C-alpha atoms as a PDB file:
ATOM      1  CA  MET A   1     124.847 209.787 223.211  1.00  0.00           C
ATOM      2  CA  ARG A   2     124.193 213.213 224.722  1.00  0.00           C
ATOM      3  CA  LYS A   3     123.246 213.293 228.383  1.00  0.00           C
ATOM      4  CA  GLN A   4     119.928 215.003 227.653  1.00  0.00           C
ATOM      5  CA  ALA A   5     118.989 212.385 225.061  1.00  0.00           C
ATOM      6  CA  HIS A   6     120.036 209.662 227.466  1.00  0.00           C
ATOM      7  CA  LEU A   7     117.859 211.132 230.218  1.00  0.00           C
ATOM      8  CA  GLU A   8     114.900 211.428 227.842  1.00  0.00           C
ATOM      9  CA  LYS A   9     115.265 207.756 226.947  1.00  0.00           C
ATOM     10  CA  ILE A  10     115.328 206.829 230.642  1.00  0.00           C
ATOM     11  CA  GLU A  11     112.206 208.927 231.264  1.00  0.00           C
ATOM     12  CA  LYS A  12     110.337 207.117 228.494  1.00  0.00           C
ATOM     13  CA  VAL A  13     111.266 203.755 229.980  1.00  0.00           C
ATOM     14  CA  ILE A  14     110.127 204.945 233.419  1.00  0.00           C
ATOM     15  CA  GLU A  15     106.782 206.078 231.991  1.00  0.00           C
ATOM     16  CA  SER A  16     106.202 202.539 230.745  1.00  0.00           C
ATOM     17  CA  LEU A  17     106.575 201.134 234.266  1.00  0.00           C
ATOM     18  CA  THR A  18     103.626 200.545 236.555  1.00  0.00           C
ATOM     19  CA  PRO A  19     103.193 202.917 239.497  1.00  0.00           C
ATOM     20  CA  HIS A  20     104.403 200.133 241.818  1.00  0.00           C
ATOM     21  CA  GLU A  21     107.530 199.616 239.711  1.00  0.00           C
ATOM     22  CA  GLN A  22     108.148 203.378 239.605  1.00  0.00           C
ATOM     23  CA  LEU A  23     107.899 203.533 243.394  1.00  0.00           C
ATOM     24  CA  LYS A  24     110.395 200.690 243.758  1.00  0.00           C
ATOM     25  CA  LEU A  25     112.742 202.540 241.400  1.00  0.00           C
ATOM     26  CA  VAL A  26     112.441 205.745 243.411  1.00  0.00           C
ATOM     27  CA  GLU A  27     113.190 203.840 246.612  1.00  0.00           C
ATOM     28  CA  LYS A  28     116.291 202.294 245.057  1.00  0.00           C
ATOM     29  CA  LEU A  29     117.481 205.676 243.782  1.00  0.00           C
ATOM     30  CA  ALA A  30     116.908 207.301 247.174  1.00  0.00           C
ATOM     31  CA  GLN A  31     118.819 204.490 248.864  1.00  0.00           C
ATOM     32  CA  ARG A  32     121.695 204.922 246.422  1.00  0.00           C
ATOM     33  CA  LEU A  33     121.773 208.695 246.988  1.00  0.00           C
ATOM     34  CA  ARG A  34     121.812 208.232 250.757  1.00  0.00           C
ATOM     35  CA  LYS A  35     124.903 206.059 250.395  1.00  0.00           C
ATOM     36  CA  THR A  36     126.697 208.758 248.401  1.00  0.00           C
ATOM     37  CA  GLY A  37     125.805 211.390 250.971  1.00  0.00           C
ATOM     38  CA  LEU A  38     124.114 213.709 248.472  1.00  0.00           C
ATOM     39  CA  ALA A  39     120.723 213.303 250.074  1.00  0.00           C
ATOM     40  CA  SER A  40     121.922 213.473 253.658  1.00  0.00           C
ATOM     41  CA  LYS A  41     120.864 216.374 255.816  1.00  0.00           C
ATOM     42  CA  LYS A  42     123.668 218.679 256.770  1.00  0.00           C
ATOM     43  CA  ARG A  43     123.698 219.705 260.373  1.00  0.00           C
ATOM     44  CA  LEU A  44     123.777 223.406 261.020  1.00  0.00           C
ATOM     45  CA  ASP A  45     126.320 224.832 263.413  1.00  0.00           C
ATOM     46  CA  TRP A  46     124.160 227.303 265.305  1.00  0.00           C
ATOM     47  CA  ASN A  47     127.216 228.669 267.096  1.00  0.00           C
ATOM     48  CA  LYS A  48     128.305 230.275 263.816  1.00  0.00           C
ATOM     49  CA  LEU A  49     125.177 232.466 263.949  1.00  0.00           C
ATOM     50  CA  TYR A  50     126.023 233.895 267.363  1.00  0.00           C
ATOM     51  CA  GLY A  51     126.288 237.671 267.260  1.00  0.00           C
ATOM     52  CA  LEU A  52     125.275 238.120 263.626  1.00  0.00           C
ATOM     53  CA  GLY A  53     122.502 240.616 264.371  1.00  0.00           C
ATOM     54  CA  LYS A  54     124.222 242.675 267.029  1.00  0.00           C
ATOM     55  CA  GLY A  55     124.930 245.551 264.630  1.00  0.00           C
ATOM     56  CA  LEU A  56     121.286 245.835 263.589  1.00  0.00           C
ATOM     57  CA  TRP A  57     120.031 247.257 266.848  1.00  0.00           C
ATOM     58  CA  GLY A  58     122.910 249.340 268.121  1.00  0.00           C
ATOM     59  CA  LYS A  59     121.795 250.518 271.554  1.00  0.00           C
ATOM     60  CA  GLU A  60     118.123 249.991 270.762  1.00  0.00           C
ATOM     61  CA  ASP A  61     116.212 247.294 272.608  1.00  0.00           C
ATOM     62  CA  ALA A  62     115.907 244.208 270.385  1.00  0.00           C
ATOM     63  CA  GLN A  63     112.167 243.839 271.029  1.00  0.00           C
ATOM     64  CA  ASP A  64     111.542 247.492 270.142  1.00  0.00           C
ATOM     65  CA  TYR A  65     113.437 246.942 266.892  1.00  0.00           C
ATOM     66  CA  VAL A  66     111.342 243.878 266.022  1.00  0.00           C
ATOM     67  CA  ASN A  67     108.102 245.702 266.844  1.00  0.00           C
ATOM     68  CA  ARG A  68     109.095 248.637 264.606  1.00  0.00           C
ATOM     69  CA  GLN A  69     109.960 246.301 261.732  1.00  0.00           C
ATOM     70  CA  ARG A  70     106.581 244.600 262.034  1.00  0.00           C
ATOM     71  CA  GLU A  71     104.786 247.956 261.994  1.00  0.00           C
ATOM     72  CA  ASP A  72     106.674 249.017 258.869  1.00  0.00           C
ATOM     73  CA  ARG A  73     105.349 245.984 256.968  1.00  0.00           C
ATOM     74  CA  LEU A  74     101.706 246.862 257.585  1.00  0.00           C
END
């Protein structure tokens, strides 16, 4: 059976469930995904962002640069 057809069959079965049963199913799926790590939040390493914008301003004051950019959008 094709994956798409299989998913469509699952969707039809889910539609026949009560809202309470659907919620229980969603909770079970979310719990399963958390175990696999797919649904886990990845932590950002903010240190990797250090210095990324330094070339944007050159010798210009950073606040002056931001103010000019805001004016350009108006």
